[in-house]
Protein backbone atom coordinates (compact mmCIF):
# COMPACT_ATOMS: atom_id res chain seq x y z
CA MET A 1 0.03 -0.16 0.21
CA LYS A 2 1.59 3.30 -0.73
CA ARG A 3 0.29 6.65 0.62
CA THR A 4 1.68 10.28 0.68
CA ALA A 5 3.54 12.06 3.67
CA THR A 6 0.58 14.35 3.99
CA ASP A 7 -2.27 11.59 3.79
CA LEU A 8 -0.26 8.96 6.65
CA ARG A 9 -0.20 12.54 9.09
CA SER A 10 -3.97 12.07 8.77
CA HIS A 11 -3.73 8.49 9.52
CA LEU A 12 -0.75 7.41 11.10
CA TYR A 13 -2.35 5.44 14.11
CA GLU A 14 -4.41 3.66 11.60
CA VAL A 15 -1.45 2.66 9.19
CA LEU A 16 0.71 2.32 11.77
CA ASP A 17 -1.66 -0.35 13.37
CA GLN A 18 -2.78 -2.30 10.87
CA VAL A 19 1.48 -2.38 9.95
CA ALA A 20 1.88 -3.97 13.70
CA LYS A 21 -1.17 -5.74 13.06
CA THR A 22 -1.02 -7.53 9.26
CA GLY A 23 3.28 -7.16 9.01
CA ILE A 24 2.45 -5.66 5.49
CA PRO A 25 4.51 -2.89 4.88
CA VAL A 26 3.52 0.49 4.28
CA GLU A 27 5.24 2.95 1.55
CA VAL A 28 5.30 6.25 2.03
CA SER A 29 6.38 8.92 -0.78
CA ARG A 30 8.03 12.03 1.11
CA GLY A 31 9.82 14.17 -1.00
CA GLY A 32 9.91 12.10 -4.19
CA VAL A 33 11.80 10.07 -1.88
CA ASP A 34 10.20 6.40 -1.35
CA LEU A 35 9.99 5.48 1.97
CA CYS A 36 8.71 2.17 3.85
CA ILE A 37 6.90 1.61 7.31
CA VAL A 38 7.91 -2.22 8.04
CA ARG A 39 7.22 -3.71 11.56
CA LYS A 40 11.07 -4.91 12.86
CA SER A 41 9.85 -8.53 13.60
CA SER A 42 9.85 -8.89 9.28
CA LEU A 43 13.31 -7.00 9.01
CA GLU A 44 14.41 -9.66 12.04
CA VAL A 45 13.62 -12.57 9.82
CA ARG A 46 15.46 -11.25 6.65
CA LYS A 47 18.52 -10.62 8.52
CA THR A 48 19.84 -13.75 10.49
CA LYS A 49 23.03 -14.46 11.18
CA ARG A 50 24.45 -17.73 9.86
CA ALA A 51 26.52 -20.01 12.19
CA PRO A 52 30.20 -19.53 11.23
CA ARG A 53 32.00 -21.06 8.81
CA VAL A 54 33.81 -24.31 10.01
CA LEU A 55 37.26 -25.42 8.18
CA LYS A 56 37.54 -29.00 8.85
CA GLY A 57 41.04 -30.14 8.71
CA LEU A 58 42.71 -26.54 8.59
CA ILE A 59 44.93 -27.29 11.74
CA VAL A 60 46.39 -30.37 11.28
CA GLY A 61 47.70 -31.78 14.88
CA ASN A 62 46.92 -30.45 18.20
CA PRO A 63 46.40 -26.18 18.20
CA ASP A 64 47.61 -26.41 21.87
CA ASP A 65 50.69 -26.84 20.27
CA LEU A 66 50.96 -23.90 18.07
CA ILE A 67 50.62 -21.62 21.65
CA HIS A 68 54.55 -22.01 22.02
CA SER A 69 56.29 -22.26 18.77
CA GLU A 70 58.70 -20.28 17.07
CA TRP A 71 58.02 -18.59 14.22
CA ALA A 72 60.76 -17.45 11.86
CA TRP A 73 59.46 -13.92 11.13
CA ASN A 74 59.63 -13.66 15.14
CA GLU A 75 63.24 -13.90 15.54
CA GLY A 76 65.02 -11.22 17.68
CA ARG A 77 61.31 -9.80 18.43
CA ASP A 78 60.16 -9.35 21.96
CA LEU A 79 56.39 -9.83 21.66
């Protein structure tokens, strides 16, 4: 549903109640710019976080052994 800013001003609470109840976004045109009123829960569905990627076999061996390893780029520097 598309409305002008003037129409929205006249029916603001009705529009907000409608969006909250139905979840259907309402488009508003203001100064040549199109805006949208959406229910926040609708946005959260689209912005789901993905689980971190697991790279199996990236470290071959015991990861704890890497803590005390000496690296060539580390020589002569006190980190």
